[in-house]
Amino acid sequence: MKANLSVHYSNFNWEKKMAEYYQLTVENREKIGTSEAKSLRKNGKIPANYYYKDTSNINLSIDEKELNQVLHSGQRIFEVHLAGETQFVMFKDIQYHPVTDDVIHVDLMRVRRDEKMTITVSIRLEGDAEGVKQGGVLSQIMNSIDIECFPTDVPEFISLDISDLVVNSSKSVADLIVDSKLTILAEGDQVVTTCHPPREEEEIEVEVKEGEEVEGEAAAEEGEEKAESDAGSEESTE
């Protein structure tokens, strides 16, 4: 179960961390239907739908090249101009071609600047872990996390300093330092990253070699005993 958790705050200049919104150009689409959608794609346009609460959806089109740039920008919230005003939107759904993997349709959902929203952002590890310098292995268990905030406060990512992470230790959600405008929706004891010792391959190899030597010594002793026994039998025969 998720619980609201307001973790550490600092006086860091968070304005630099907040995403600068990409202005996505959209055009109204009068005609709808499969044939019209195919015609749009042939002309470098991708059909789109715009949704907001109880209002009727709006049919739009987006330039294919611009859409691909947006999808690879790493941002989650975008600005669009509709009905003479600037609005904030995020992708509600993206449909891909099953063979070419090209985008064939997108759904946009409006988010209001004065209404908080829940969104997933990535967690970025920063710094060189002390444990890795000592030969440890770093593992990131949690790559993203849900937060609640206003659309204008969505960060591109949340960073976690791991420079003091030593072998056999971990950092959890409670170690994340976020702006007071953000609320993390996760339990504080959830592990984000760990540093554990390397596999003891060398010791295993040594143990195997030692075992082989013991078996070899036993075989040699057995051979010597057999040789002595055979020699004794020959002497008795003579």
Foldseek 3Di string as FASTA:
>chain_A
DWDWDDAAEDPDPCVVQFDDAAEFEKAFDDDDDDVVLVVQVVVQKAWEWEDEPPDDITIIIGRQVSVVCVVPVLDFWHWYADPNDIFIWGWPDWDADPPPRRTRYTYIYTFDQPDKDKDKAFEAEDADAPQVVVQWDKDFPGGIFIKIAGPRRDGSHFYAYRNDAHAPDFAFQNRTYDHPRMITTHDRHHTGMHIHHDDPPVVVVVVVVVVVVVVVVVVVVVVVVVVVVVVVVVVVVD
